Full PDB file with SEQRES, HELIX, SHEET, SSBOND, CRYST1, ORIGX, SCALE, CONECT and MASTER records, all heavy atoms in Angstrom:
SEQRES   1 A   41  ALA PRO ARG ALA TYR ARG LYS PHE GLY SER TRP GLY ALA          
SEQRES   2 A   41  LYS GLU TYR SER ALA GLN PRO ALA ALA GLN ALA PRO LYS          
SEQRES   3 A   41  TYR ARG ALA LEU LEU ASN PHE MET ARG ASP ASN PRO CYS          
SEQRES   4 A   41  TRP TRP                                                      
HELIX    1 AA1 ALA A   21  GLN A   23  5                                   3    
HELIX    2 AA2 PRO A   25  ASP A   36  1                                  12    
CRYST1    1.000    1.000    1.000  90.00  90.00  90.00 P 1           1          
ORIGX1      1.000000  0.000000  0.000000        0.00000                         
ORIGX2      0.000000  1.000000  0.000000        0.00000                         
ORIGX3      0.000000  0.000000  1.000000        0.00000                         
SCALE1      1.000000  0.000000  0.000000        0.00000                         
SCALE2      0.000000  1.000000  0.000000        0.00000                         
SCALE3      0.000000  0.000000  1.000000        0.00000                         
ATOM      1  N   ALA A   1     152.218  60.624 140.464  1.00  0.00           N  
ATOM      2  CA  ALA A   1     152.717  61.844 139.824  1.00  0.00           C  
ATOM      3  C   ALA A   1     152.107  63.063 140.519  1.00  0.00           C  
ATOM      4  O   ALA A   1     151.150  62.935 141.288  1.00  0.00           O  
ATOM      5  CB  ALA A   1     152.346  61.840 138.344  1.00  0.00           C  
ATOM      6  N   PRO A   2     152.636  64.249 140.274  1.00  0.00           N  
ATOM      7  CA  PRO A   2     152.096  65.443 140.939  1.00  0.00           C  
ATOM      8  C   PRO A   2     150.584  65.564 140.788  1.00  0.00           C  
ATOM      9  O   PRO A   2     150.048  65.415 139.688  1.00  0.00           O  
ATOM     10  CB  PRO A   2     152.815  66.590 140.223  1.00  0.00           C  
ATOM     11  CG  PRO A   2     154.122  65.989 139.803  1.00  0.00           C  
ATOM     12  CD  PRO A   2     153.789  64.586 139.412  1.00  0.00           C  
ATOM     13  N   ARG A   3     149.917  65.802 141.898  1.00  0.00           N  
ATOM     14  CA  ARG A   3     148.468  66.036 141.867  1.00  0.00           C  
ATOM     15  C   ARG A   3     148.073  66.822 143.117  1.00  0.00           C  
ATOM     16  O   ARG A   3     148.737  66.755 144.153  1.00  0.00           O  
ATOM     17  CB  ARG A   3     147.664  64.745 141.759  1.00  0.00           C  
ATOM     18  CG  ARG A   3     147.729  63.820 142.940  1.00  0.00           C  
ATOM     19  CD  ARG A   3     146.637  62.754 142.829  1.00  0.00           C  
ATOM     20  NE  ARG A   3     146.906  61.746 141.824  1.00  0.00           N  
ATOM     21  CZ  ARG A   3     145.969  60.954 141.294  1.00  0.00           C  
ATOM     22  NH1 ARG A   3     144.714  61.068 141.667  1.00  0.00           N  
ATOM     23  NH2 ARG A   3     146.277  60.041 140.399  1.00  0.00           N  
ATOM     24  N   ALA A   4     147.004  67.573 143.007  1.00  0.00           N  
ATOM     25  CA  ALA A   4     146.555  68.438 144.101  1.00  0.00           C  
ATOM     26  C   ALA A   4     146.048  67.598 145.264  1.00  0.00           C  
ATOM     27  O   ALA A   4     145.535  66.496 145.084  1.00  0.00           O  
ATOM     28  CB  ALA A   4     145.460  69.380 143.606  1.00  0.00           C  
ATOM     29  N   TYR A   5     146.193  68.146 146.472  1.00  0.00           N  
ATOM     30  CA  TYR A   5     145.665  67.502 147.662  1.00  0.00           C  
ATOM     31  C   TYR A   5     144.185  67.864 147.794  1.00  0.00           C  
ATOM     32  O   TYR A   5     143.824  69.033 147.922  1.00  0.00           O  
ATOM     33  CB  TYR A   5     146.426  67.954 148.902  1.00  0.00           C  
ATOM     34  CG  TYR A   5     147.895  67.558 148.914  1.00  0.00           C  
ATOM     35  CD1 TYR A   5     148.766  68.101 149.854  1.00  0.00           C  
ATOM     36  CD2 TYR A   5     148.408  66.646 147.995  1.00  0.00           C  
ATOM     37  CE1 TYR A   5     150.105  67.739 149.874  1.00  0.00           C  
ATOM     38  CE2 TYR A   5     149.740  66.289 147.999  1.00  0.00           C  
ATOM     39  CZ  TYR A   5     150.589  66.841 148.951  1.00  0.00           C  
ATOM     40  OH  TYR A   5     151.912  66.477 148.969  1.00  0.00           O  
ATOM     41  N   ARG A   6     143.351  66.832 147.774  1.00  0.00           N  
ATOM     42  CA  ARG A   6     141.910  67.031 147.821  1.00  0.00           C  
ATOM     43  C   ARG A   6     141.271  65.928 148.652  1.00  0.00           C  
ATOM     44  O   ARG A   6     141.962  65.062 149.183  1.00  0.00           O  
ATOM     45  CB  ARG A   6     141.329  67.060 146.406  1.00  0.00           C  
ATOM     46  CG  ARG A   6     141.777  68.300 145.627  1.00  0.00           C  
ATOM     47  CD  ARG A   6     141.254  68.308 144.208  1.00  0.00           C  
ATOM     48  NE  ARG A   6     141.622  69.541 143.528  1.00  0.00           N  
ATOM     49  CZ  ARG A   6     141.975  69.638 142.255  1.00  0.00           C  
ATOM     50  NH1 ARG A   6     142.001  68.559 141.500  1.00  0.00           N  
ATOM     51  NH2 ARG A   6     142.286  70.806 141.720  1.00  0.00           N  
ATOM     52  N   LYS A   7     139.951  65.938 148.730  1.00  0.00           N  
ATOM     53  CA  LYS A   7     139.238  64.966 149.559  1.00  0.00           C  
ATOM     54  C   LYS A   7     139.531  63.528 149.128  1.00  0.00           C  
ATOM     55  O   LYS A   7     139.392  62.596 149.937  1.00  0.00           O  
ATOM     56  CB  LYS A   7     137.735  65.232 149.501  1.00  0.00           C  
ATOM     57  CG  LYS A   7     137.126  65.029 148.120  1.00  0.00           C  
ATOM     58  CD  LYS A   7     135.630  65.310 148.124  1.00  0.00           C  
ATOM     59  CE  LYS A   7     135.021  65.097 146.740  1.00  0.00           C  
ATOM     60  NZ  LYS A   7     133.562  65.370 146.729  1.00  0.00           N  
ATOM     61  N   PHE A   8     139.932  63.350 147.879  1.00  0.00           N  
ATOM     62  CA  PHE A   8     140.227  62.011 147.375  1.00  0.00           C  
ATOM     63  C   PHE A   8     141.595  61.509 147.817  1.00  0.00           C  
ATOM     64  O   PHE A   8     141.943  60.362 147.566  1.00  0.00           O  
ATOM     65  CB  PHE A   8     140.156  62.000 145.849  1.00  0.00           C  
ATOM     66  CG  PHE A   8     138.862  62.523 145.303  1.00  0.00           C  
ATOM     67  CD1 PHE A   8     138.808  63.753 144.654  1.00  0.00           C  
ATOM     68  CD2 PHE A   8     137.689  61.811 145.464  1.00  0.00           C  
ATOM     69  CE1 PHE A   8     137.606  64.246 144.155  1.00  0.00           C  
ATOM     70  CE2 PHE A   8     136.479  62.301 144.966  1.00  0.00           C  
ATOM     71  CZ  PHE A   8     136.439  63.521 144.321  1.00  0.00           C  
ATOM     72  N   GLY A   9     142.378  62.370 148.457  1.00  0.00           N  
ATOM     73  CA  GLY A   9     143.686  61.959 148.939  1.00  0.00           C  
ATOM     74  C   GLY A   9     144.777  62.952 148.595  1.00  0.00           C  
ATOM     75  O   GLY A   9     144.595  63.840 147.755  1.00  0.00           O  
ATOM     76  N   SER A  10     145.901  62.776 149.252  1.00  0.00           N  
ATOM     77  CA  SER A  10     147.073  63.630 149.022  1.00  0.00           C  
ATOM     78  C   SER A  10     148.169  62.769 148.413  1.00  0.00           C  
ATOM     79  O   SER A  10     149.262  62.625 148.960  1.00  0.00           O  
ATOM     80  CB  SER A  10     147.539  64.251 150.347  1.00  0.00           C  
ATOM     81  OG  SER A  10     146.497  64.953 150.978  1.00  0.00           O  
ATOM     82  N   TRP A  11     147.872  62.197 147.264  1.00  0.00           N  
ATOM     83  CA  TRP A  11     148.721  61.156 146.699  1.00  0.00           C  
ATOM     84  C   TRP A  11     149.966  61.681 146.000  1.00  0.00           C  
ATOM     85  O   TRP A  11     150.963  60.957 145.897  1.00  0.00           O  
ATOM     86  CB  TRP A  11     147.903  60.323 145.708  1.00  0.00           C  
ATOM     87  CG  TRP A  11     146.623  59.786 146.273  1.00  0.00           C  
ATOM     88  CD1 TRP A  11     145.355  60.145 145.939  1.00  0.00           C  
ATOM     89  CD2 TRP A  11     146.486  58.796 147.296  1.00  0.00           C  
ATOM     90  NE1 TRP A  11     144.430  59.442 146.669  1.00  0.00           N  
ATOM     91  CE2 TRP A  11     145.100  58.606 147.518  1.00  0.00           C  
ATOM     92  CE3 TRP A  11     147.391  58.054 148.055  1.00  0.00           C  
ATOM     93  CZ2 TRP A  11     144.593  57.702 148.453  1.00  0.00           C  
ATOM     94  CZ3 TRP A  11     146.897  57.150 148.990  1.00  0.00           C  
ATOM     95  CH2 TRP A  11     145.523  56.984 149.187  1.00  0.00           C  
ATOM     96  N   GLY A  12     149.944  62.879 145.496  1.00  0.00           N  
ATOM     97  CA  GLY A  12     151.040  63.361 144.663  1.00  0.00           C  
ATOM     98  C   GLY A  12     152.360  63.480 145.397  1.00  0.00           C  
ATOM     99  O   GLY A  12     152.417  63.926 146.545  1.00  0.00           O  
ATOM    100  N   ALA A  13     153.446  63.085 144.718  1.00  0.00           N  
ATOM    101  CA  ALA A  13     154.786  63.340 145.258  1.00  0.00           C  
ATOM    102  C   ALA A  13     155.008  64.843 145.380  1.00  0.00           C  
ATOM    103  O   ALA A  13     155.736  65.305 146.271  1.00  0.00           O  
ATOM    104  CB  ALA A  13     155.843  62.733 144.343  1.00  0.00           C  
ATOM    105  N   LYS A  14     154.391  65.589 144.485  1.00  0.00           N  
ATOM    106  CA  LYS A  14     154.330  67.045 144.536  1.00  0.00           C  
ATOM    107  C   LYS A  14     152.875  67.429 144.337  1.00  0.00           C  
ATOM    108  O   LYS A  14     152.070  66.609 143.906  1.00  0.00           O  
ATOM    109  CB  LYS A  14     155.199  67.664 143.416  1.00  0.00           C  
ATOM    110  CG  LYS A  14     156.646  67.218 143.425  1.00  0.00           C  
ATOM    111  CD  LYS A  14     157.357  67.601 142.132  1.00  0.00           C  
ATOM    112  CE  LYS A  14     157.735  69.045 142.092  1.00  0.00           C  
ATOM    113  NZ  LYS A  14     158.570  69.375 140.906  1.00  0.00           N  
ATOM    114  N   GLU A  15     152.549  68.682 144.623  1.00  0.00           N  
ATOM    115  CA  GLU A  15     151.166  69.123 144.439  1.00  0.00           C  
ATOM    116  C   GLU A  15     150.904  69.617 143.022  1.00  0.00           C  
ATOM    117  O   GLU A  15     149.743  69.711 142.601  1.00  0.00           O  
ATOM    118  CB  GLU A  15     150.826  70.197 145.467  1.00  0.00           C  
ATOM    119  CG  GLU A  15     150.842  69.663 146.893  1.00  0.00           C  
ATOM    120  CD  GLU A  15     150.477  70.707 147.923  1.00  0.00           C  
ATOM    121  OE1 GLU A  15     149.337  71.225 147.868  1.00  0.00           O  
ATOM    122  OE2 GLU A  15     151.334  71.031 148.776  1.00  0.00           O  
ATOM    123  N   TYR A  16     151.938  69.925 142.305  1.00  0.00           N  
ATOM    124  CA  TYR A  16     151.849  70.277 140.886  1.00  0.00           C  
ATOM    125  C   TYR A  16     153.241  70.124 140.299  1.00  0.00           C  
ATOM    126  O   TYR A  16     154.246  70.151 141.031  1.00  0.00           O  
ATOM    127  CB  TYR A  16     151.290  71.684 140.673  1.00  0.00           C  
ATOM    128  CG  TYR A  16     152.017  72.795 141.419  1.00  0.00           C  
ATOM    129  CD1 TYR A  16     153.010  73.543 140.794  1.00  0.00           C  
ATOM    130  CD2 TYR A  16     151.698  73.098 142.738  1.00  0.00           C  
ATOM    131  CE1 TYR A  16     153.671  74.561 141.464  1.00  0.00           C  
ATOM    132  CE2 TYR A  16     152.360  74.106 143.424  1.00  0.00           C  
ATOM    133  CZ  TYR A  16     153.337  74.834 142.781  1.00  0.00           C  
ATOM    134  OH  TYR A  16     154.004  75.848 143.454  1.00  0.00           O  
ATOM    135  N   SER A  17     153.326  69.943 139.008  1.00  0.00           N  
ATOM    136  CA  SER A  17     154.602  69.560 138.390  1.00  0.00           C  
ATOM    137  C   SER A  17     155.703  70.579 138.600  1.00  0.00           C  
ATOM    138  O   SER A  17     156.871  70.220 138.762  1.00  0.00           O  
ATOM    139  CB  SER A  17     154.404  69.309 136.887  1.00  0.00           C  
ATOM    140  OG  SER A  17     153.724  68.095 136.663  1.00  0.00           O  
ATOM    141  N   ALA A  18     155.354  71.864 138.583  1.00  0.00           N  
ATOM    142  CA  ALA A  18     156.372  72.909 138.703  1.00  0.00           C  
ATOM    143  C   ALA A  18     156.678  73.266 140.154  1.00  0.00           C  
ATOM    144  O   ALA A  18     157.476  74.177 140.400  1.00  0.00           O  
ATOM    145  CB  ALA A  18     155.927  74.163 137.947  1.00  0.00           C  
ATOM    146  N   GLN A  19     156.085  72.589 141.111  1.00  0.00           N  
ATOM    147  CA  GLN A  19     156.326  72.927 142.517  1.00  0.00           C  
ATOM    148  C   GLN A  19     157.803  72.755 142.863  1.00  0.00           C  
ATOM    149  O   GLN A  19     158.396  71.719 142.569  1.00  0.00           O  
ATOM    150  CB  GLN A  19     155.481  72.054 143.437  1.00  0.00           C  
ATOM    151  CG  GLN A  19     155.581  72.443 144.905  1.00  0.00           C  
ATOM    152  CD  GLN A  19     154.719  71.566 145.810  1.00  0.00           C  
ATOM    153  OE1 GLN A  19     154.488  70.396 145.510  1.00  0.00           O  
ATOM    154  NE2 GLN A  19     154.235  72.135 146.902  1.00  0.00           N  
ATOM    155  N   PRO A  20     158.419  73.748 143.517  1.00  0.00           N  
ATOM    156  CA  PRO A  20     159.823  73.614 143.916  1.00  0.00           C  
ATOM    157  C   PRO A  20     160.010  72.434 144.869  1.00  0.00           C  
ATOM    158  O   PRO A  20     159.164  72.171 145.727  1.00  0.00           O  
ATOM    159  CB  PRO A  20     160.120  74.937 144.611  1.00  0.00           C  
ATOM    160  CG  PRO A  20     159.093  75.893 144.084  1.00  0.00           C  
ATOM    161  CD  PRO A  20     157.865  75.068 143.845  1.00  0.00           C  
ATOM    162  N   ALA A  21     161.113  71.734 144.710  1.00  0.00           N  
ATOM    163  CA  ALA A  21     161.381  70.573 145.560  1.00  0.00           C  
ATOM    164  C   ALA A  21     161.423  70.953 147.036  1.00  0.00           C  
ATOM    165  O   ALA A  21     161.062  70.140 147.898  1.00  0.00           O  
ATOM    166  CB  ALA A  21     162.699  69.927 145.145  1.00  0.00           C  
ATOM    167  N   ALA A  22     161.839  72.176 147.335  1.00  0.00           N  
ATOM    168  CA  ALA A  22     161.914  72.619 148.725  1.00  0.00           C  
ATOM    169  C   ALA A  22     160.555  72.601 149.410  1.00  0.00           C  
ATOM    170  O   ALA A  22     160.472  72.525 150.637  1.00  0.00           O  
ATOM    171  CB  ALA A  22     162.514  74.020 148.796  1.00  0.00           C  
ATOM    172  N   GLN A  23     159.477  72.674 148.625  1.00  0.00           N  
ATOM    173  CA  GLN A  23     158.126  72.672 149.178  1.00  0.00           C  
ATOM    174  C   GLN A  23     157.489  71.282 149.171  1.00  0.00           C  
ATOM    175  O   GLN A  23     156.323  71.137 149.573  1.00  0.00           O  
ATOM    176  CB  GLN A  23     157.242  73.627 148.374  1.00  0.00           C  
ATOM    177  CG  GLN A  23     157.697  75.068 148.375  1.00  0.00           C  
ATOM    178  CD  GLN A  23     156.848  75.935 147.456  1.00  0.00           C  
ATOM    179  OE1 GLN A  23     155.806  75.508 146.956  1.00  0.00           O  
ATOM    180  NE2 GLN A  23     157.305  77.164 147.210  1.00  0.00           N  
ATOM    181  N   ALA A  24     158.217  70.273 148.733  1.00  0.00           N  
ATOM    182  CA  ALA A  24     157.644  68.935 148.534  1.00  0.00           C  
ATOM    183  C   ALA A  24     158.498  67.880 149.238  1.00  0.00           C  
ATOM    184  O   ALA A  24     159.378  67.275 148.621  1.00  0.00           O  
ATOM    185  CB  ALA A  24     157.530  68.631 147.041  1.00  0.00           C  
ATOM    186  N   PRO A  25     158.253  67.638 150.536  1.00  0.00           N  
ATOM    187  CA  PRO A  25     159.113  66.703 151.279  1.00  0.00           C  
ATOM    188  C   PRO A  25     159.081  65.277 150.739  1.00  0.00           C  
ATOM    189  O   PRO A  25     160.109  64.586 150.759  1.00  0.00           O  
ATOM    190  CB  PRO A  25     158.564  66.773 152.709  1.00  0.00           C  
ATOM    191  CG  PRO A  25     157.198  67.355 152.593  1.00  0.00           C  
ATOM    192  CD  PRO A  25     157.251  68.269 151.410  1.00  0.00           C  
ATOM    193  N   LYS A  26     157.945  64.825 150.231  1.00  0.00           N  
ATOM    194  CA  LYS A  26     157.895  63.463 149.684  1.00  0.00           C  
ATOM    195  C   LYS A  26     158.774  63.358 148.434  1.00  0.00           C  
ATOM    196  O   LYS A  26     159.510  62.376 148.261  1.00  0.00           O  
ATOM    197  CB  LYS A  26     156.442  63.089 149.352  1.00  0.00           C  
ATOM    198  CG  LYS A  26     155.555  62.898 150.566  1.00  0.00           C  
ATOM    199  CD  LYS A  26     154.156  62.447 150.198  1.00  0.00           C  
ATOM    200  CE  LYS A  26     153.369  63.513 149.471  1.00  0.00           C  
ATOM    201  NZ  LYS A  26     151.949  63.134 149.273  1.00  0.00           N  
ATOM    202  N   TYR A  27     158.691  64.357 147.605  1.00  0.00           N  
ATOM    203  CA  TYR A  27     159.480  64.348 146.368  1.00  0.00           C  
ATOM    204  C   TYR A  27     160.974  64.367 146.679  1.00  0.00           C  
ATOM    205  O   TYR A  27     161.755  63.616 146.078  1.00  0.00           O  
ATOM    206  CB  TYR A  27     159.080  65.554 145.523  1.00  0.00           C  
ATOM    207  CG  TYR A  27     159.837  65.709 144.223  1.00  0.00           C  
ATOM    208  CD1 TYR A  27     159.797  64.726 143.248  1.00  0.00           C  
ATOM    209  CD2 TYR A  27     160.585  66.862 143.970  1.00  0.00           C  
ATOM    210  CE1 TYR A  27     160.476  64.877 142.051  1.00  0.00           C  
ATOM    211  CE2 TYR A  27     161.263  67.020 142.777  1.00  0.00           C  
ATOM    212  CZ  TYR A  27     161.217  66.020 141.817  1.00  0.00           C  
ATOM    213  OH  TYR A  27     161.894  66.178 140.636  1.00  0.00           O  
ATOM    214  N   ARG A  28     161.379  65.202 147.626  1.00  0.00           N  
ATOM    215  CA  ARG A  28     162.801  65.243 148.005  1.00  0.00           C  
ATOM    216  C   ARG A  28     163.259  63.893 148.533  1.00  0.00           C  
ATOM    217  O   ARG A  28     164.375  63.434 148.237  1.00  0.00           O  
ATOM    218  CB  ARG A  28     163.054  66.322 149.059  1.00  0.00           C  
ATOM    219  CG  ARG A  28     162.898  67.742 148.574  1.00  0.00           C  
ATOM    220  CD  ARG A  28     163.623  68.737 149.481  1.00  0.00           C  
ATOM    221  NE  ARG A  28     163.365  68.507 150.895  1.00  0.00           N  
ATOM    222  CZ  ARG A  28     162.299  68.942 151.568  1.00  0.00           C  
ATOM    223  NH1 ARG A  28     161.365  69.634 150.899  1.00  0.00           N  
ATOM    224  NH2 ARG A  28     162.145  68.708 152.849  1.00  0.00           N  
ATOM    225  N   ALA A  29     162.404  63.251 149.305  1.00  0.00           N  
ATOM    226  CA  ALA A  29     162.770  61.939 149.847  1.00  0.00           C  
ATOM    227  C   ALA A  29     162.942  60.915 148.724  1.00  0.00           C  
ATOM    228  O   ALA A  29     163.888  60.114 148.744  1.00  0.00           O  
ATOM    229  CB  ALA A  29     161.705  61.472 150.830  1.00  0.00           C  
ATOM    230  N   LEU A  30     162.051  60.933 147.746  1.00  0.00           N  
ATOM    231  CA  LEU A  30     162.164  60.002 146.620  1.00  0.00           C  
ATOM    232  C   LEU A  30     163.467  60.219 145.865  1.00  0.00           C  
ATOM    233  O   LEU A  30     164.191  59.261 145.547  1.00  0.00           O  
ATOM    234  CB  LEU A  30     160.976  60.174 145.677  1.00  0.00           C  
ATOM    235  CG  LEU A  30     159.585  59.854 146.245  1.00  0.00           C  
ATOM    236  CD1 LEU A  30     158.510  60.205 145.220  1.00  0.00           C  
ATOM    237  CD2 LEU A  30     159.470  58.410 146.668  1.00  0.00           C  
ATOM    238  N   LEU A  31     163.783  61.484 145.571  1.00  0.00           N  
ATOM    239  CA  LEU A  31     165.009  61.786 144.829  1.00  0.00           C  
ATOM    240  C   LEU A  31     166.249  61.376 145.615  1.00  0.00           C  
ATOM    241  O   LEU A  31     167.177  60.764 145.071  1.00  0.00           O  
ATOM    242  CB  LEU A  31     165.071  63.279 144.503  1.00  0.00           C  
ATOM    243  CG  LEU A  31     164.077  63.816 143.471  1.00  0.00           C  
ATOM    244  CD1 LEU A  31     164.296  65.314 143.268  1.00  0.00           C  
ATOM    245  CD2 LEU A  31     164.189  63.076 142.148  1.00  0.00           C  
ATOM    246  N   ASN A  32     166.279  61.709 146.891  1.00  0.00           N  
ATOM    247  CA  ASN A  32     167.464  61.404 147.694  1.00  0.00           C  
ATOM    248  C   ASN A  32     167.609  59.913 147.940  1.00  0.00           C  
ATOM    249  O   ASN A  32     168.735  59.393 147.987  1.00  0.00           O  
ATOM    250  CB  ASN A  32     167.410  62.170 149.014  1.00  0.00           C  
ATOM    251  CG  ASN A  32     167.631  63.659 148.821  1.00  0.00           C  
ATOM    252  OD1 ASN A  32     168.117  64.097 147.774  1.00  0.00           O  
ATOM    253  ND2 ASN A  32     167.267  64.460 149.811  1.00  0.00           N  
ATOM    254  N   PHE A  33     166.502  59.214 148.101  1.00  0.00           N  
ATOM    255  CA  PHE A  33     166.596  57.765 148.255  1.00  0.00           C  
ATOM    256  C   PHE A  33     167.165  57.141 146.989  1.00  0.00           C  
ATOM    257  O   PHE A  33     168.032  56.255 147.059  1.00  0.00           O  
ATOM    258  CB  PHE A  33     165.224  57.165 148.570  1.00  0.00           C  
ATOM    259  CG  PHE A  33     165.255  55.669 148.723  1.00  0.00           C  
ATOM    260  CD1 PHE A  33     165.650  55.093 149.920  1.00  0.00           C  
ATOM    261  CD2 PHE A  33     164.903  54.834 147.665  1.00  0.00           C  
ATOM    262  CE1 PHE A  33     165.697  53.710 150.063  1.00  0.00           C  
ATOM    263  CE2 PHE A  33     164.950  53.455 147.800  1.00  0.00           C  
ATOM    264  CZ  PHE A  33     165.340  52.892 149.008  1.00  0.00           C  
ATOM    265  N   MET A  34     166.705  57.573 145.821  1.00  0.00           N  
ATOM    266  CA  MET A  34     167.248  57.033 144.569  1.00  0.00           C  
ATOM    267  C   MET A  34     168.725  57.354 144.420  1.00  0.00           C  
ATOM    268  O   MET A  34     169.509  56.528 143.956  1.00  0.00           O  
ATOM    269  CB  MET A  34     166.450  57.581 143.378  1.00  0.00           C  
ATOM    270  CG  MET A  34     165.074  56.980 143.224  1.00  0.00           C  
ATOM    271  SD  MET A  34     164.254  57.430 141.672  1.00  0.00           S  
ATOM    272  CE  MET A  34     163.806  59.141 141.979  1.00  0.00           C  
ATOM    273  N   ARG A  35     169.109  58.555 144.831  1.00  0.00           N  
ATOM    274  CA  ARG A  35     170.526  58.941 144.750  1.00  0.00           C  
ATOM    275  C   ARG A  35     171.394  58.042 145.629  1.00  0.00           C  
ATOM    276  O   ARG A  35     172.477  57.606 145.206  1.00  0.00           O  
ATOM    277  CB  ARG A  35     170.672  60.393 145.191  1.00  0.00           C  
ATOM    278  CG  ARG A  35     172.106  60.934 145.180  1.00  0.00           C  
ATOM    279  CD  ARG A  35     172.191  62.196 146.015  1.00  0.00           C  
ATOM    280  NE  ARG A  35     171.893  61.912 147.430  1.00  0.00           N  
ATOM    281  CZ  ARG A  35     171.548  62.844 148.309  1.00  0.00           C  
ATOM    282  NH1 ARG A  35     171.417  64.104 147.935  1.00  0.00           N  
ATOM    283  NH2 ARG A  35     171.299  62.498 149.568  1.00  0.00           N  
ATOM    284  N   ASP A  36     170.924  57.760 146.828  1.00  0.00           N  
ATOM    285  CA  ASP A  36     171.728  57.002 147.797  1.00  0.00           C  
ATOM    286  C   ASP A  36     171.536  55.497 147.682  1.00  0.00           C  
ATOM    287  O   ASP A  36     172.317  54.734 148.271  1.00  0.00           O  
ATOM    288  CB  ASP A  36     171.373  57.439 149.229  1.00  0.00           C  
ATOM    289  CG  ASP A  36     171.679  58.906 149.490  1.00  0.00           C  
ATOM    290  OD1 ASP A  36     172.536  59.471 148.774  1.00  0.00           O  
ATOM    291  OD2 ASP A  36     171.048  59.492 150.395  1.00  0.00           O  
ATOM    292  N   ASN A  37     170.507  55.083 146.947  1.00  0.00           N  
ATOM    293  CA  ASN A  37     170.200  53.648 146.851  1.00  0.00           C  
ATOM    294  C   ASN A  37     169.906  53.261 145.414  1.00  0.00           C  
ATOM    295  O   ASN A  37     168.747  53.037 145.040  1.00  0.00           O  
ATOM    296  CB  ASN A  37     168.993  53.303 147.728  1.00  0.00           C  
ATOM    297  CG  ASN A  37     169.216  53.562 149.196  1.00  0.00           C  
ATOM    298  OD1 ASN A  37     169.693  52.687 149.925  1.00  0.00           O  
ATOM    299  ND2 ASN A  37     168.894  54.765 149.654  1.00  0.00           N  
ATOM    300  N   PRO A  38     170.937  53.194 144.581  1.00  0.00           N  
ATOM    301  CA  PRO A  38     170.699  52.728 143.208  1.00  0.00           C  
ATOM    302  C   PRO A  38     170.140  51.307 143.244  1.00  0.00           C  
ATOM    303  O   PRO A  38     170.319  50.577 144.229  1.00  0.00           O  
ATOM    304  CB  PRO A  38     172.085  52.782 142.572  1.00  0.00           C  
ATOM    305  CG  PRO A  38     173.043  52.782 143.711  1.00  0.00           C  
ATOM    306  CD  PRO A  38     172.359  53.466 144.835  1.00  0.00           C  
ATOM    307  N   CYS A  39     169.451  50.930 142.197  1.00  0.00           N  
ATOM    308  CA  CYS A  39     168.727  49.652 142.207  1.00  0.00           C  
ATOM    309  C   CYS A  39     169.648  48.500 142.611  1.00  0.00           C  
ATOM    310  O   CYS A  39     170.798  48.442 142.217  1.00  0.00           O  
ATOM    311  CB  CYS A  39     168.070  49.396 140.858  1.00  0.00           C  
ATOM    312  SG  CYS A  39     169.215  49.225 139.473  1.00  0.00           S  
ATOM    313  N   TRP A  40     169.137  47.616 143.427  1.00  0.00           N  
ATOM    314  CA  TRP A  40     169.936  46.592 144.091  1.00  0.00           C  
ATOM    315  C   TRP A  40     169.574  45.165 143.706  1.00  0.00           C  
ATOM    316  O   TRP A  40     170.263  44.221 144.091  1.00  0.00           O  
ATOM    317  CB  TRP A  40     169.797  46.747 145.607  1.00  0.00           C  
ATOM    318  CG  TRP A  40     168.361  46.703 146.062  1.00  0.00           C  
ATOM    319  CD1 TRP A  40     167.587  45.598 146.296  1.00  0.00           C  
ATOM    320  CD2 TRP A  40     167.516  47.825 146.276  1.00  0.00           C  
ATOM    321  NE1 TRP A  40     166.311  45.962 146.659  1.00  0.00           N  
ATOM    322  CE2 TRP A  40     166.234  47.331 146.665  1.00  0.00           C  
ATOM    323  CE3 TRP A  40     167.687  49.216 146.206  1.00  0.00           C  
ATOM    324  CZ2 TRP A  40     165.150  48.167 146.958  1.00  0.00           C  
ATOM    325  CZ3 TRP A  40     166.610  50.041 146.499  1.00  0.00           C  
ATOM    326  CH2 TRP A  40     165.364  49.523 146.878  1.00  0.00           C  
ATOM    327  N   TRP A  41     168.483  44.966 142.969  1.00  0.00           N  
ATOM    328  CA  TRP A  41     168.042  43.611 142.694  1.00  0.00           C  
ATOM    329  C   TRP A  41     168.673  43.075 141.414  1.00  0.00           C  
ATOM    330  O   TRP A  41     169.158  43.832 140.565  1.00  0.00           O  
ATOM    331  CB  TRP A  41     166.519  43.554 142.601  1.00  0.00           C  
ATOM    332  CG  TRP A  41     165.931  44.532 141.626  1.00  0.00           C  
ATOM    333  CD1 TRP A  41     165.645  44.320 140.308  1.00  0.00           C  
ATOM    334  CD2 TRP A  41     165.575  45.901 141.893  1.00  0.00           C  
ATOM    335  NE1 TRP A  41     165.129  45.452 139.742  1.00  0.00           N  
ATOM    336  CE2 TRP A  41     165.071  46.441 140.695  1.00  0.00           C  
ATOM    337  CE3 TRP A  41     165.625  46.711 143.036  1.00  0.00           C  
ATOM    338  CZ2 TRP A  41     164.634  47.761 140.594  1.00  0.00           C  
ATOM    339  CZ3 TRP A  41     165.185  48.025 142.934  1.00  0.00           C  
ATOM    340  CH2 TRP A  41     164.690  48.532 141.735  1.00  0.00           C  
TER     341      TRP A  41                                                      
MASTER        0    0    0    2    0    0    0    6  340    1    0    4          
END                                                                             
């Protein structure tokens, strides 16, 4: 989930919950992958 980038890692899909998607490439990738690849199993 969104979390700040710090010495412990840059794990967040966004850096904070309200961050615009345009500033969060990982988050955009997650959303677009889900859009183009609905669950397949």
